Amino acid sequence: MTAYHFYAKSHQTGRCCGLGSLLSVYCDKVSVWQESAKSLQDYMASLEKLGGGGKIVAYAFGTSLDDQLSLEDLNEQDKADAGIYSLALGVECHKKSWDWFNEYLEGGQQIYPTLLPGQQQPPYWPDRWFETGRHRLESLPQVPAPPSPRPGR
């Protein structure tokens, strides 16, 4: 499991007070970095140990192609560290996370899964669920088109 983070460059380098804090409010360089964990449960536990905790707000079902395209883009952003970080302009980690999520969806829609009667809610059950357009096409049964009439009949 890999989490991608979007930080102000001055905060990523440990200079998170004084000038670094002012830069992140007004206009700092970006630092995109990856954090690996064995599983989602391990990652969430590590957030809990840091005292910040975490909540999964939304899940998206996608295809392997959706995953591949998204990971290629995120890895490029990690290498480039291009752009700005600015709380004043609304270019910050939570906004960027939603931007990445929406890029993954590519216009996909919200869905409403339900639990079976008596089924316990799994850990990290989010409030909102989505699926990409490709996932919808692959998950719905495909009905073959009716045969075309033969010419001359």
N, C-alpha and C. Protein backbone atom coordinates (compact mmCIF):
# COMPACT_ATOMS: atom_id res chain seq x y z
N MET A 1 0.85 -1.16 0.00
CA MET A 1 0.00 0.00 0.00
C MET A 1 0.89 1.22 0.00
N THR A 2 0.58 2.18 -0.84
CA THR A 2 1.35 3.40 -0.91
C THR A 2 0.43 4.60 -0.76
N ALA A 3 0.78 5.49 0.15
CA ALA A 3 0.06 6.76 0.30
C ALA A 3 0.93 7.85 -0.31
N TYR A 4 0.30 8.76 -1.02
CA TYR A 4 1.01 9.90 -1.61
C TYR A 4 0.64 11.13 -0.80
N HIS A 5 1.65 11.91 -0.46
CA HIS A 5 1.46 13.12 0.34
C HIS A 5 1.83 14.35 -0.47
N PHE A 6 1.15 15.44 -0.19
CA PHE A 6 1.35 16.73 -0.85
C PHE A 6 1.62 17.74 0.25
N TYR A 7 2.86 18.19 0.35
CA TYR A 7 3.28 19.08 1.43
C TYR A 7 3.92 20.34 0.89
N ALA A 8 3.97 21.34 1.76
CA ALA A 8 4.79 22.52 1.49
C ALA A 8 6.25 22.10 1.62
N LYS A 9 7.09 22.51 0.70
CA LYS A 9 8.50 22.10 0.67
C LYS A 9 9.19 22.43 2.00
N SER A 10 8.91 23.59 2.57
CA SER A 10 9.58 23.96 3.83
C SER A 10 9.16 23.03 4.97
N HIS A 11 7.95 22.52 4.94
CA HIS A 11 7.51 21.58 5.99
C HIS A 11 8.15 20.22 5.79
N GLN A 12 8.30 19.80 4.53
CA GLN A 12 8.91 18.50 4.23
C GLN A 12 10.35 18.44 4.70
N THR A 13 11.04 19.56 4.67
CA THR A 13 12.45 19.59 5.07
C THR A 13 12.62 19.82 6.57
N GLY A 14 11.52 19.88 7.31
CA GLY A 14 11.61 20.01 8.76
C GLY A 14 11.62 21.44 9.25
N ARG A 15 11.59 22.40 8.36
CA ARG A 15 11.57 23.81 8.77
C ARG A 15 10.12 24.27 8.85
N CYS A 16 9.43 23.85 9.89
CA CYS A 16 7.98 24.12 9.92
C CYS A 16 7.61 25.23 10.90
N CYS A 17 8.51 26.11 11.18
CA CYS A 17 8.15 27.27 11.98
C CYS A 17 8.82 28.49 11.37
N GLY A 18 8.39 29.65 11.77
CA GLY A 18 8.98 30.86 11.24
C GLY A 18 8.67 31.03 9.77
N LEU A 19 9.71 31.26 8.96
CA LEU A 19 9.55 31.53 7.55
C LEU A 19 8.85 30.37 6.83
N GLY A 20 9.16 29.13 7.20
CA GLY A 20 8.52 27.97 6.56
C GLY A 20 7.02 28.00 6.70
N SER A 21 6.55 28.36 7.88
CA SER A 21 5.11 28.43 8.10
C SER A 21 4.48 29.54 7.27
N LEU A 22 5.15 30.68 7.18
CA LEU A 22 4.64 31.77 6.36
C LEU A 22 4.59 31.38 4.89
N LEU A 23 5.63 30.68 4.44
CA LEU A 23 5.65 30.24 3.04
C LEU A 23 4.47 29.32 2.74
N SER A 24 4.15 28.40 3.64
CA SER A 24 3.05 27.47 3.37
C SER A 24 1.70 28.19 3.36
N VAL A 25 1.59 29.30 4.06
CA VAL A 25 0.36 30.07 4.04
C VAL A 25 0.23 30.83 2.73
N TYR A 26 1.33 31.45 2.29
CA TYR A 26 1.25 32.30 1.11
C TYR A 26 1.67 31.61 -0.18
N CYS A 27 2.88 31.10 -0.27
CA CYS A 27 3.31 30.44 -1.51
C CYS A 27 4.64 29.74 -1.29
N ASP A 28 4.60 28.44 -1.20
CA ASP A 28 5.80 27.63 -1.03
C ASP A 28 5.90 26.67 -2.20
N LYS A 29 7.06 26.09 -2.38
CA LYS A 29 7.21 25.03 -3.37
C LYS A 29 6.54 23.77 -2.83
N VAL A 30 6.27 22.83 -3.73
CA VAL A 30 5.58 21.60 -3.38
C VAL A 30 6.58 20.47 -3.15
N SER A 31 6.22 19.58 -2.25
CA SER A 31 6.92 18.32 -2.09
C SER A 31 5.86 17.21 -2.11
N VAL A 32 5.94 16.35 -3.12
CA VAL A 32 5.08 15.17 -3.20
C VAL A 32 5.96 13.99 -2.83
N TRP A 33 5.51 13.18 -1.91
CA TRP A 33 6.32 12.02 -1.52
C TRP A 33 5.43 10.83 -1.21
N GLN A 34 6.04 9.66 -1.29
CA GLN A 34 5.34 8.40 -1.08
C GLN A 34 5.67 7.82 0.29
N GLU A 35 4.68 7.16 0.86
CA GLU A 35 4.88 6.44 2.12
C GLU A 35 4.28 5.05 1.94
N SER A 36 5.09 4.03 2.16
CA SER A 36 4.64 2.65 1.98
C SER A 36 4.26 2.02 3.32
N ALA A 37 3.33 1.09 3.25
CA ALA A 37 2.93 0.30 4.41
C ALA A 37 2.54 -1.09 3.90
N LYS A 38 2.56 -2.07 4.81
CA LYS A 38 2.19 -3.44 4.42
C LYS A 38 0.71 -3.55 4.04
N SER A 39 -0.12 -2.73 4.68
CA SER A 39 -1.56 -2.80 4.43
C SER A 39 -2.20 -1.48 4.83
N LEU A 40 -3.45 -1.31 4.45
CA LEU A 40 -4.20 -0.13 4.86
C LEU A 40 -4.31 -0.08 6.38
N GLN A 41 -4.54 -1.23 7.01
CA GLN A 41 -4.67 -1.27 8.47
C GLN A 41 -3.36 -0.81 9.13
N ASP A 42 -2.21 -1.25 8.60
CA ASP A 42 -0.92 -0.82 9.16
C ASP A 42 -0.72 0.68 8.98
N TYR A 43 -1.10 1.19 7.83
CA TYR A 43 -0.95 2.63 7.58
C TYR A 43 -1.83 3.44 8.54
N MET A 44 -3.07 3.04 8.69
CA MET A 44 -3.98 3.76 9.60
C MET A 44 -3.47 3.68 11.04
N ALA A 45 -2.91 2.53 11.44
CA ALA A 45 -2.35 2.39 12.79
C ALA A 45 -1.16 3.33 12.96
N SER A 46 -0.35 3.51 11.92
CA SER A 46 0.80 4.42 12.03
C SER A 46 0.33 5.86 12.19
N LEU A 47 -0.77 6.22 11.55
CA LEU A 47 -1.33 7.57 11.74
C LEU A 47 -1.81 7.75 13.16
N GLU A 48 -2.44 6.72 13.68
CA GLU A 48 -2.94 6.77 15.06
C GLU A 48 -1.78 6.97 16.04
N LYS A 49 -0.65 6.28 15.82
CA LYS A 49 0.52 6.42 16.70
C LYS A 49 1.09 7.82 16.66
N LEU A 50 0.98 8.49 15.50
CA LEU A 50 1.47 9.86 15.38
C LEU A 50 0.55 10.85 16.09
N GLY A 51 -0.60 10.38 16.51
CA GLY A 51 -1.52 11.23 17.24
C GLY A 51 -2.52 11.94 16.36
N GLY A 52 -2.37 11.84 15.07
CA GLY A 52 -3.29 12.53 14.18
C GLY A 52 -4.48 11.69 13.81
N GLY A 53 -4.31 10.39 13.87
CA GLY A 53 -5.40 9.53 13.43
C GLY A 53 -5.69 9.78 11.96
N GLY A 54 -6.70 9.21 11.48
CA GLY A 54 -7.07 9.40 10.10
C GLY A 54 -8.43 8.80 9.85
N LYS A 55 -9.07 9.27 8.82
CA LYS A 55 -10.38 8.76 8.45
C LYS A 55 -10.41 8.62 6.94
N ILE A 56 -10.94 7.54 6.48
CA ILE A 56 -11.13 7.36 5.04
C ILE A 56 -12.48 7.98 4.71
N VAL A 57 -12.46 8.98 3.87
CA VAL A 57 -13.68 9.72 3.55
C VAL A 57 -14.42 9.08 2.39
N ALA A 58 -13.68 8.51 1.42
CA ALA A 58 -14.33 7.93 0.25
C ALA A 58 -13.48 6.82 -0.33
N TYR A 59 -14.13 5.86 -0.92
CA TYR A 59 -13.49 4.78 -1.69
C TYR A 59 -13.94 4.92 -3.13
N ALA A 60 -13.09 4.45 -4.04
CA ALA A 60 -13.47 4.38 -5.44
C ALA A 60 -13.09 3.02 -5.98
N PHE A 61 -14.03 2.39 -6.66
CA PHE A 61 -13.75 1.15 -7.36
C PHE A 61 -13.31 1.51 -8.77
N GLY A 62 -12.17 0.97 -9.17
CA GLY A 62 -11.67 1.22 -10.52
C GLY A 62 -11.13 -0.07 -11.11
N THR A 63 -10.69 0.03 -12.34
CA THR A 63 -10.12 -1.11 -13.04
C THR A 63 -8.60 -1.10 -12.88
N SER A 64 -7.96 -2.15 -13.32
CA SER A 64 -6.49 -2.18 -13.27
C SER A 64 -5.91 -1.09 -14.16
N LEU A 65 -6.57 -0.74 -15.26
CA LEU A 65 -6.11 0.37 -16.10
C LEU A 65 -6.23 1.69 -15.35
N ASP A 66 -7.34 1.90 -14.66
CA ASP A 66 -7.49 3.12 -13.84
C ASP A 66 -6.33 3.22 -12.84
N ASP A 67 -6.03 2.10 -12.17
CA ASP A 67 -4.95 2.08 -11.18
C ASP A 67 -3.61 2.40 -11.83
N GLN A 68 -3.33 1.77 -12.96
CA GLN A 68 -2.05 1.96 -13.64
C GLN A 68 -1.87 3.41 -14.06
N LEU A 69 -2.89 4.00 -14.68
CA LEU A 69 -2.79 5.40 -15.12
C LEU A 69 -2.61 6.34 -13.95
N SER A 70 -3.33 6.09 -12.88
CA SER A 70 -3.23 6.94 -11.69
C SER A 70 -1.84 6.85 -11.05
N LEU A 71 -1.33 5.64 -10.91
CA LEU A 71 0.00 5.47 -10.31
C LEU A 71 1.09 6.08 -11.17
N GLU A 72 0.98 5.97 -12.48
CA GLU A 72 1.96 6.61 -13.36
C GLU A 72 1.96 8.11 -13.15
N ASP A 73 0.77 8.70 -13.07
CA ASP A 73 0.66 10.14 -12.86
C ASP A 73 1.20 10.55 -11.49
N LEU A 74 0.83 9.83 -10.44
CA LEU A 74 1.31 10.16 -9.10
C LEU A 74 2.83 10.02 -8.99
N ASN A 75 3.39 8.99 -9.62
CA ASN A 75 4.85 8.83 -9.59
C ASN A 75 5.55 9.95 -10.33
N GLU A 76 4.96 10.42 -11.43
CA GLU A 76 5.54 11.57 -12.14
C GLU A 76 5.49 12.82 -11.28
N GLN A 77 4.37 13.02 -10.59
CA GLN A 77 4.26 14.19 -9.71
C GLN A 77 5.26 14.10 -8.57
N ASP A 78 5.50 12.88 -8.07
CA ASP A 78 6.49 12.67 -7.01
C ASP A 78 7.88 13.07 -7.50
N LYS A 79 8.22 12.68 -8.71
CA LYS A 79 9.54 13.00 -9.27
C LYS A 79 9.69 14.50 -9.53
N ALA A 80 8.62 15.12 -10.04
CA ALA A 80 8.70 16.51 -10.48
C ALA A 80 8.65 17.52 -9.32
N ASP A 81 7.90 17.21 -8.28
CA ASP A 81 7.70 18.19 -7.20
C ASP A 81 7.40 19.57 -7.77
N ALA A 82 6.54 19.62 -8.78
CA ALA A 82 6.23 20.88 -9.46
C ALA A 82 4.96 21.49 -8.88
N GLY A 83 4.91 22.78 -8.89
CA GLY A 83 3.72 23.49 -8.45
C GLY A 83 3.98 24.27 -7.17
N ILE A 84 2.88 24.78 -6.62
CA ILE A 84 2.98 25.58 -5.39
C ILE A 84 2.09 24.97 -4.32
N TYR A 85 2.40 25.35 -3.09
CA TYR A 85 1.58 25.01 -1.93
C TYR A 85 1.19 26.34 -1.32
N SER A 86 -0.09 26.59 -1.16
CA SER A 86 -0.53 27.87 -0.61
C SER A 86 -1.88 27.71 0.08
N LEU A 87 -1.89 27.85 1.40
CA LEU A 87 -3.16 27.81 2.12
C LEU A 87 -4.05 28.97 1.69
N ALA A 88 -3.45 30.13 1.46
CA ALA A 88 -4.21 31.31 1.08
C ALA A 88 -4.92 31.12 -0.26
N LEU A 89 -4.29 30.39 -1.18
CA LEU A 89 -4.87 30.18 -2.50
C LEU A 89 -5.66 28.86 -2.59
N GLY A 90 -5.71 28.11 -1.50
CA GLY A 90 -6.46 26.86 -1.49
C GLY A 90 -5.76 25.71 -2.20
N VAL A 91 -4.44 25.79 -2.29
CA VAL A 91 -3.66 24.70 -2.92
C VAL A 91 -2.93 24.00 -1.78
N GLU A 92 -3.63 23.09 -1.11
CA GLU A 92 -3.08 22.43 0.07
C GLU A 92 -3.41 20.94 0.03
N CYS A 93 -2.95 20.20 1.03
CA CYS A 93 -2.99 18.74 0.99
C CYS A 93 -4.40 18.17 0.84
N HIS A 94 -5.38 18.66 1.58
CA HIS A 94 -6.73 18.10 1.48
C HIS A 94 -7.35 18.37 0.12
N LYS A 95 -7.15 19.56 -0.39
CA LYS A 95 -7.67 19.90 -1.72
C LYS A 95 -6.99 19.04 -2.78
N LYS A 96 -5.68 18.88 -2.67
CA LYS A 96 -4.94 18.09 -3.65
C LYS A 96 -5.38 16.62 -3.60
N SER A 97 -5.64 16.09 -2.41
CA SER A 97 -6.12 14.72 -2.30
C SER A 97 -7.43 14.54 -3.07
N TRP A 98 -8.34 15.50 -2.94
CA TRP A 98 -9.61 15.42 -3.67
C TRP A 98 -9.38 15.57 -5.17
N ASP A 99 -8.44 16.43 -5.57
CA ASP A 99 -8.11 16.56 -6.99
C ASP A 99 -7.63 15.22 -7.53
N TRP A 100 -6.70 14.57 -6.81
CA TRP A 100 -6.19 13.27 -7.25
C TRP A 100 -7.33 12.24 -7.31
N PHE A 101 -8.19 12.25 -6.32
CA PHE A 101 -9.32 11.32 -6.29
C PHE A 101 -10.22 11.53 -7.51
N ASN A 102 -10.54 12.78 -7.82
CA ASN A 102 -11.41 13.08 -8.95
C ASN A 102 -10.74 12.77 -10.29
N GLU A 103 -9.42 12.94 -10.37
CA GLU A 103 -8.71 12.54 -11.59
C GLU A 103 -8.82 11.03 -11.78
N TYR A 104 -8.73 10.29 -10.70
CA TYR A 104 -8.87 8.84 -10.76
C TYR A 104 -10.27 8.45 -11.26
N LEU A 105 -11.29 9.14 -10.74
CA LEU A 105 -12.67 8.83 -11.11
C LEU A 105 -12.95 9.11 -12.58
N GLU A 106 -12.32 10.13 -13.13
CA GLU A 106 -12.58 10.56 -14.51
C GLU A 106 -14.07 10.64 -14.79
N GLY A 107 -14.79 11.35 -13.94
CA GLY A 107 -16.22 11.53 -14.16
C GLY A 107 -17.08 10.38 -13.65
N GLY A 108 -16.48 9.43 -12.95
CA GLY A 108 -17.26 8.32 -12.41
C GLY A 108 -18.32 8.83 -11.44
N GLN A 109 -19.17 7.94 -11.03
CA GLN A 109 -20.31 8.37 -10.21
C GLN A 109 -20.31 7.75 -8.82
N GLN A 110 -21.10 8.38 -7.95
CA GLN A 110 -21.25 7.86 -6.60
C GLN A 110 -22.16 6.65 -6.64
N ILE A 111 -21.83 5.65 -5.81
CA ILE A 111 -22.66 4.45 -5.68
C ILE A 111 -23.02 4.28 -4.21
N TYR A 112 -23.94 3.37 -3.93
CA TYR A 112 -24.47 3.24 -2.58
C TYR A 112 -24.49 1.78 -2.14
N PRO A 113 -23.33 1.23 -1.79
CA PRO A 113 -23.32 -0.17 -1.33
C PRO A 113 -24.00 -0.29 0.03
N THR A 114 -24.59 -1.44 0.28
CA THR A 114 -25.24 -1.69 1.56
C THR A 114 -24.70 -2.98 2.15
N LEU A 115 -24.77 -3.05 3.44
CA LEU A 115 -24.36 -4.26 4.15
C LEU A 115 -25.54 -5.23 4.20
N LEU A 116 -25.24 -6.51 4.24
CA LEU A 116 -26.28 -7.51 4.39
C LEU A 116 -26.85 -7.42 5.80
N PRO A 117 -28.10 -7.82 6.00
CA PRO A 117 -28.66 -7.79 7.35
C PRO A 117 -27.77 -8.59 8.32
N GLY A 118 -27.42 -7.98 9.43
CA GLY A 118 -26.58 -8.62 10.43
C GLY A 118 -25.09 -8.53 10.15
N GLN A 119 -24.70 -8.05 8.99
CA GLN A 119 -23.28 -7.93 8.65
C GLN A 119 -22.68 -6.72 9.37
N GLN A 120 -21.53 -6.94 10.00
CA GLN A 120 -20.86 -5.84 10.71
C GLN A 120 -20.17 -4.93 9.71
N GLN A 121 -20.17 -3.66 10.02
CA GLN A 121 -19.48 -2.70 9.16
C GLN A 121 -17.98 -2.92 9.27
N PRO A 122 -17.29 -3.13 8.13
CA PRO A 122 -15.84 -3.34 8.17
C PRO A 122 -15.12 -2.08 8.67
N PRO A 123 -13.88 -2.26 9.15
CA PRO A 123 -13.11 -1.08 9.57
C PRO A 123 -12.90 -0.13 8.38
N TYR A 124 -12.86 1.12 8.68
CA TYR A 124 -12.59 2.17 7.69
C TYR A 124 -13.68 2.28 6.63
N TRP A 125 -14.90 1.95 6.96
CA TRP A 125 -16.03 2.10 6.05
C TRP A 125 -16.27 3.59 5.84
N PRO A 126 -16.14 4.07 4.61
CA PRO A 126 -16.29 5.52 4.38
C PRO A 126 -17.75 5.94 4.24
N ASP A 127 -17.96 7.24 4.27
CA ASP A 127 -19.30 7.78 4.08
C ASP A 127 -19.72 7.76 2.61
N ARG A 128 -18.74 7.83 1.71
CA ARG A 128 -19.06 7.95 0.28
C ARG A 128 -18.29 6.91 -0.53
N TRP A 129 -18.96 6.35 -1.53
CA TRP A 129 -18.38 5.35 -2.42
C TRP A 129 -18.57 5.82 -3.86
N PHE A 130 -17.60 5.50 -4.70
CA PHE A 130 -17.66 5.88 -6.11
C PHE A 130 -17.14 4.74 -6.96
N GLU A 131 -17.39 4.84 -8.26
CA GLU A 131 -16.76 3.93 -9.20
C GLU A 131 -16.43 4.70 -10.47
N THR A 132 -15.34 4.29 -11.10
CA THR A 132 -14.94 4.91 -12.35
C THR A 132 -15.88 4.45 -13.47
N GLY A 133 -15.90 5.19 -14.56
CA GLY A 133 -16.71 4.79 -15.71
C GLY A 133 -16.28 3.44 -16.26
N ARG A 134 -14.95 3.20 -16.29
CA ARG A 134 -14.47 1.91 -16.78
C ARG A 134 -14.94 0.77 -15.89
N HIS A 135 -14.94 0.98 -14.58
CA HIS A 135 -15.38 -0.06 -13.65
C HIS A 135 -16.85 -0.39 -13.90
N ARG A 136 -17.67 0.63 -14.11
CA ARG A 136 -19.10 0.42 -14.36
C ARG A 136 -19.29 -0.42 -15.62
N LEU A 137 -18.55 -0.07 -16.67
CA LEU A 137 -18.68 -0.83 -17.92
C LEU A 137 -18.25 -2.28 -17.75
N GLU A 138 -17.19 -2.51 -16.99
CA GLU A 138 -16.70 -3.88 -16.81
C GLU A 138 -17.54 -4.68 -15.83
N SER A 139 -18.23 -4.01 -14.90
CA SER A 139 -18.96 -4.76 -13.88
C SER A 139 -20.41 -5.05 -14.26
N LEU A 140 -20.96 -4.31 -15.21
CA LEU A 140 -22.34 -4.58 -15.63
C LEU A 140 -22.34 -5.70 -16.67
N PRO A 141 -23.33 -6.57 -16.61
CA PRO A 141 -23.39 -7.64 -17.61
C PRO A 141 -23.53 -7.04 -19.00
N GLN A 142 -22.78 -7.57 -19.92
CA GLN A 142 -22.84 -7.09 -21.30
C GLN A 142 -23.84 -7.93 -22.07
N VAL A 143 -24.81 -7.28 -22.65
CA VAL A 143 -25.83 -7.97 -23.44
C VAL A 143 -25.40 -7.89 -24.89
N PRO A 144 -25.30 -9.04 -25.57
CA PRO A 144 -24.89 -8.99 -26.97
C PRO A 144 -25.93 -8.28 -27.83
N ALA A 145 -25.45 -7.61 -28.85
CA ALA A 145 -26.34 -6.93 -29.78
C ALA A 145 -27.10 -7.97 -30.59
N PRO A 146 -28.33 -7.65 -30.97
CA PRO A 146 -29.08 -8.61 -31.78
C PRO A 146 -28.38 -8.79 -33.13
N PRO A 147 -28.50 -9.98 -33.71
CA PRO A 147 -27.85 -10.20 -35.00
C PRO A 147 -28.40 -9.28 -36.07
N SER A 148 -27.54 -8.86 -36.97
CA SER A 148 -27.96 -8.01 -38.08
C SER A 148 -28.68 -8.85 -39.13
N PRO A 149 -29.70 -8.28 -39.73
CA PRO A 149 -30.37 -9.05 -40.79
C PRO A 149 -29.41 -9.24 -41.97
N ARG A 150 -29.53 -10.39 -42.61
CA ARG A 150 -28.69 -10.66 -43.79
C ARG A 150 -29.15 -9.80 -44.96
N PRO A 151 -28.18 -9.35 -45.76
CA PRO A 151 -28.59 -8.55 -46.93
C PRO A 151 -29.43 -9.41 -47.88
N GLY A 152 -30.38 -8.78 -48.47
CA GLY A 152 -31.21 -9.46 -49.49
C GLY A 152 -32.38 -10.20 -48.90
N ARG A 153 -32.63 -10.13 -47.66
CA ARG A 153 -33.79 -10.83 -47.08
C ARG A 153 -34.82 -9.86 -46.64
